[in-house]
C-alpha atoms as a PDB file:
ATOM      1  CA  MET A   1     -15.170 -15.851  -0.682  1.00  0.00           C
ATOM      2  CA  SER A   2     -11.793 -17.136   0.664  1.00  0.00           C
ATOM      3  CA  SER A   3      -9.398 -14.733   2.299  1.00  0.00           C
ATOM      4  CA  GLY A   4      -7.272 -14.817  -0.872  1.00  0.00           C
ATOM      5  CA  GLU A   5     -10.297 -13.848  -3.064  1.00  0.00           C
ATOM      6  CA  ILE A   6     -11.210 -11.024  -0.699  1.00  0.00           C
ATOM      7  CA  GLY A   7      -7.591  -9.755  -0.889  1.00  0.00           C
ATOM      8  CA  ALA A   8      -7.431  -9.972  -4.701  1.00  0.00           C
ATOM      9  CA  MET A   9     -10.895  -8.297  -4.986  1.00  0.00           C
ATOM     10  CA  GLY A  10      -9.898  -5.523  -2.613  1.00  0.00           C
ATOM     11  CA  GLU A  11      -6.599  -4.892  -4.511  1.00  0.00           C
ATOM     12  CA  LEU A  12      -8.508  -4.621  -7.751  1.00  0.00           C
ATOM     13  CA  ILE A  13     -10.964  -2.145  -6.163  1.00  0.00           C
ATOM     14  CA  ALA A  14      -8.208  -0.179  -4.722  1.00  0.00           C
ATOM     15  CA  VAL A  15      -6.449   0.097  -7.984  1.00  0.00           C
ATOM     16  CA  ARG A  16      -9.587   1.335  -9.687  1.00  0.00           C
ATOM     17  CA  TRP A  17     -10.235   3.828  -6.959  1.00  0.00           C
ATOM     18  CA  LEU A  18      -6.657   5.128  -7.217  1.00  0.00           C
ATOM     19  CA  ALA A  19      -6.884   5.605 -10.907  1.00  0.00           C
ATOM     20  CA  ALA A  20     -10.222   7.240 -10.679  1.00  0.00           C
ATOM     21  CA  HIS A  21      -8.905   9.695  -8.242  1.00  0.00           C
ATOM     22  CA  GLY A  22      -5.914  10.925 -10.224  1.00  0.00           C
ATOM     23  CA  ARG A  23      -3.166   8.540  -9.040  1.00  0.00           C
ATOM     24  CA  LYS A  24      -1.131   6.675 -11.516  1.00  0.00           C
ATOM     25  CA  VAL A  25      -0.520   3.031 -10.683  1.00  0.00           C
ATOM     26  CA  LEU A  26       2.923   2.089 -11.662  1.00  0.00           C
ATOM     27  CA  HIS A  27       3.135  -1.452 -10.337  1.00  0.00           C
ATOM     28  CA  ARG A  28       1.222  -4.131  -8.387  1.00  0.00           C
ATOM     29  CA  ASN A  29       2.526  -6.796  -6.106  1.00  0.00           C
ATOM     30  CA  TYR A  30       6.064  -5.670  -6.128  1.00  0.00           C
ATOM     31  CA  ARG A  31       8.542  -8.167  -4.562  1.00  0.00           C
ATOM     32  CA  GLY A  32      11.989  -6.648  -3.704  1.00  0.00           C
ATOM     33  CA  ALA A  33      15.273  -8.392  -3.560  1.00  0.00           C
ATOM     34  CA  ASN A  34      15.547  -8.057   0.183  1.00  0.00           C
ATOM     35  CA  ARG A  35      12.242  -9.827   1.030  1.00  0.00           C
ATOM     36  CA  GLY A  36      10.295  -6.651   0.826  1.00  0.00           C
ATOM     37  CA  GLU A  37       6.860  -6.310  -0.621  1.00  0.00           C
ATOM     38  CA  VAL A  38       4.501  -3.617  -1.704  1.00  0.00           C
ATOM     39  CA  ASP A  39       0.921  -4.185  -2.832  1.00  0.00           C
ATOM     40  CA  ILE A  40       0.699  -1.077  -5.047  1.00  0.00           C
ATOM     41  CA  VAL A  41       3.384   1.544  -6.176  1.00  0.00           C
ATOM     42  CA  ALA A  42       1.740   4.655  -7.486  1.00  0.00           C
ATOM     43  CA  ARG A  43       2.355   8.321  -8.163  1.00  0.00           C
ATOM     44  CA  HIS A  44       0.179  10.878  -6.494  1.00  0.00           C
ATOM     45  CA  ARG A  45       1.049  14.195  -8.057  1.00  0.00           C
ATOM     46  CA  ASP A  46       4.869  14.575  -7.432  1.00  0.00           C
ATOM     47  CA  VAL A  47       4.934  12.026  -4.656  1.00  0.00           C
ATOM     48  CA  LEU A  48       5.772   8.240  -4.979  1.00  0.00           C
ATOM     49  CA  THR A  49       3.421   6.204  -2.872  1.00  0.00           C
ATOM     50  CA  PHE A  50       3.912   2.657  -1.570  1.00  0.00           C
ATOM     51  CA  ILE A  51       0.307   1.376  -0.738  1.00  0.00           C
ATOM     52  CA  GLU A  52      -0.634  -1.550   1.448  1.00  0.00           C
ATOM     53  CA  VAL A  53      -4.156  -2.819   0.765  1.00  0.00           C
ATOM     54  CA  LYS A  54      -6.147  -4.348   3.523  1.00  0.00           C
ATOM     55  CA  SER A  55      -9.579  -5.743   2.803  1.00  0.00           C
ATOM     56  CA  ARG A  56     -12.356  -7.005   5.089  1.00  0.00           C
ATOM     57  CA  THR A  57     -15.935  -8.041   4.703  1.00  0.00           C
ATOM     58  CA  SER A  58     -16.774  -6.304   7.934  1.00  0.00           C
ATOM     59  CA  SER A  59     -15.383  -3.703  10.270  1.00  0.00           C
ATOM     60  CA  ALA A  60     -16.582  -5.724  13.285  1.00  0.00           C
ATOM     61  CA  PHE A  61     -13.163  -6.795  14.370  1.00  0.00           C
ATOM     62  CA  GLY A  62     -11.541  -3.316  13.936  1.00  0.00           C
ATOM     63  CA  ARG A  63     -10.200  -1.360  11.005  1.00  0.00           C
ATOM     64  CA  PRO A  64      -8.351  -3.009   8.253  1.00  0.00           C
ATOM     65  CA  ALA A  65      -5.381  -0.767   8.869  1.00  0.00           C
ATOM     66  CA  ASP A  66      -5.058  -2.233  12.390  1.00  0.00           C
ATOM     67  CA  ALA A  67      -3.464  -5.341  10.634  1.00  0.00           C
ATOM     68  CA  VAL A  68      -0.531  -3.328   9.405  1.00  0.00           C
ATOM     69  CA  GLY A  69       1.782  -3.773  12.439  1.00  0.00           C
ATOM     70  CA  PRO A  70       5.512  -3.162  12.773  1.00  0.00           C
ATOM     71  CA  GLU A  71       6.562  -6.348  11.011  1.00  0.00           C
ATOM     72  CA  LYS A  72       4.357  -5.648   8.033  1.00  0.00           C
ATOM     73  CA  GLN A  73       5.530  -2.065   7.837  1.00  0.00           C
ATOM     74  CA  ARG A  74       9.130  -3.386   7.794  1.00  0.00           C
ATOM     75  CA  LEU A  75       8.256  -5.583   4.801  1.00  0.00           C
ATOM     76  CA  ILE A  76       6.801  -2.641   2.912  1.00  0.00           C
ATOM     77  CA  GLN A  77       9.691  -0.413   3.867  1.00  0.00           C
ATOM     78  CA  ARG A  78      12.170  -2.984   2.587  1.00  0.00           C
ATOM     79  CA  GLY A  79      10.151  -3.255  -0.673  1.00  0.00           C
ATOM     80  CA  ALA A  80      10.202   0.607  -1.012  1.00  0.00           C
ATOM     81  CA  MET A  81      13.957   0.795  -0.541  1.00  0.00           C
ATOM     82  CA  ASP A  82      14.414  -1.876  -3.273  1.00  0.00           C
ATOM     83  CA  TRP A  83      12.172   0.009  -5.585  1.00  0.00           C
ATOM     84  CA  LEU A  84      14.067   3.319  -4.920  1.00  0.00           C
ATOM     85  CA  ARG A  85      17.404   1.460  -5.490  1.00  0.00           C
ATOM     86  CA  LEU A  86      15.991   0.251  -8.877  1.00  0.00           C
ATOM     87  CA  LEU A  87      15.453   3.984  -9.693  1.00  0.00           C
ATOM     88  CA  GLY A  88      18.975   4.902  -8.663  1.00  0.00           C
ATOM     89  CA  ASN A  89      17.981   6.260  -5.286  1.00  0.00           C
ATOM     90  CA  PRO A  90      16.552   9.594  -6.563  1.00  0.00           C
ATOM     91  CA  ARG A  91      15.796  12.334  -4.119  1.00  0.00           C
ATOM     92  CA  ILE A  92      12.131  12.245  -4.510  1.00  0.00           C
ATOM     93  CA  GLN A  93       9.269  12.488  -2.028  1.00  0.00           C
ATOM     94  CA  PHE A  94       7.620   9.235  -1.145  1.00  0.00           C
ATOM     95  CA  ARG A  95       5.171   8.091   1.527  1.00  0.00           C
ATOM     96  CA  PHE A  96       3.397   4.994   2.854  1.00  0.00           C
ATOM     97  CA  ASP A  97      -0.332   4.759   2.503  1.00  0.00           C
ATOM     98  CA  ILE A  98      -2.857   2.185   3.469  1.00  0.00           C
ATOM     99  CA  ALA A  99      -5.891   1.448   1.351  1.00  0.00           C
ATOM    100  CA  GLU A 100      -8.762   0.069   3.498  1.00  0.00           C
ATOM    101  CA  VAL A 101     -11.377  -1.780   1.502  1.00  0.00           C
ATOM    102  CA  ILE A 102     -14.624  -3.018   3.060  1.00  0.00           C
ATOM    103  CA  LEU A 103     -16.594  -5.539   1.106  1.00  0.00           C
ATOM    104  CA  THR A 104     -19.962  -5.903   2.623  1.00  0.00           C
ATOM    105  CA  GLU A 105     -22.334  -8.287   0.846  1.00  0.00           C
ATOM    106  CA  GLY A 106     -25.244  -6.339  -0.750  1.00  0.00           C
ATOM    107  CA  GLU A 107     -23.388  -3.016  -0.479  1.00  0.00           C
ATOM    108  CA  LEU A 108     -20.995  -1.044  -2.686  1.00  0.00           C
ATOM    109  CA  PRO A 109     -17.460  -1.479  -1.648  1.00  0.00           C
ATOM    110  CA  ARG A 110     -16.010   1.249   0.607  1.00  0.00           C
ATOM    111  CA  VAL A 111     -12.408   2.567   0.113  1.00  0.00           C
ATOM    112  CA  HIS A 112     -10.645   4.701   2.509  1.00  0.00           C
ATOM    113  CA  ILE A 113      -7.042   5.830   1.906  1.00  0.00           C
ATOM    114  CA  ILE A 114      -4.808   6.634   4.894  1.00  0.00           C
ATOM    115  CA  GLU A 115      -2.093   8.816   3.579  1.00  0.00           C
ATOM    116  CA  ASN A 116       1.301   8.807   5.518  1.00  0.00           C
ATOM    117  CA  ALA A 117       0.059   5.899   7.502  1.00  0.00           C
ATOM    118  CA  PHE A 118       3.536   5.262   8.826  1.00  0.00           C
ATOM    119  CA  GLN A 119       6.983   6.704   8.240  1.00  0.00           C
ATOM    120  CA  MET A 120      10.399   5.349   7.295  1.00  0.00           C
ATOM    121  CA  PRO A 121      12.670   5.072  10.342  1.00  0.00           C
ATOM    122  CA  ASP A 122      15.352   7.847  10.195  1.00  0.00           C
ATOM    123  CA  ARG A 123      18.259   5.569  10.466  1.00  0.00           C
ATOM    124  CA  SER A 124      17.284   3.754   7.276  1.00  0.00           C
ATOM    125  CA  MET A 125      17.444   7.042   5.360  1.00  0.00           C
ATOM    126  CA  ALA A 126      21.266   7.322   5.900  1.00  0.00           C
ATOM    127  CA  GLY A 127      23.199   7.642   2.777  1.00  0.00           C
ATOM    128  CA  ARG A 128      20.063   8.750   0.629  1.00  0.00           C
END
């Protein structure tokens, strides 16, 4: 599989996992007006979650979440802020999660959700 196919497969598996575990998927592949992006927007009870999906065929080179560095976090945060603006900037709880999906040939996919994987910088919450 190509890296694009691995990513698409991982995202589909993550969406199915989230739905099976009581989370309501609201949107996939959201692209905001300010160059922000979020793989999955979902609701987990009363919390809006912005989820980055990272898929790998092996954990030999570290955890998938290790690929979500500061620059990627900023892209996701910009996407989240755009999403919240579309909602009229409600005062709701939200968080950033990472869905790690390991796709090892001959095995069932493994999904691990890291809740609150990173936070919004305080200064970006000014005016909310």
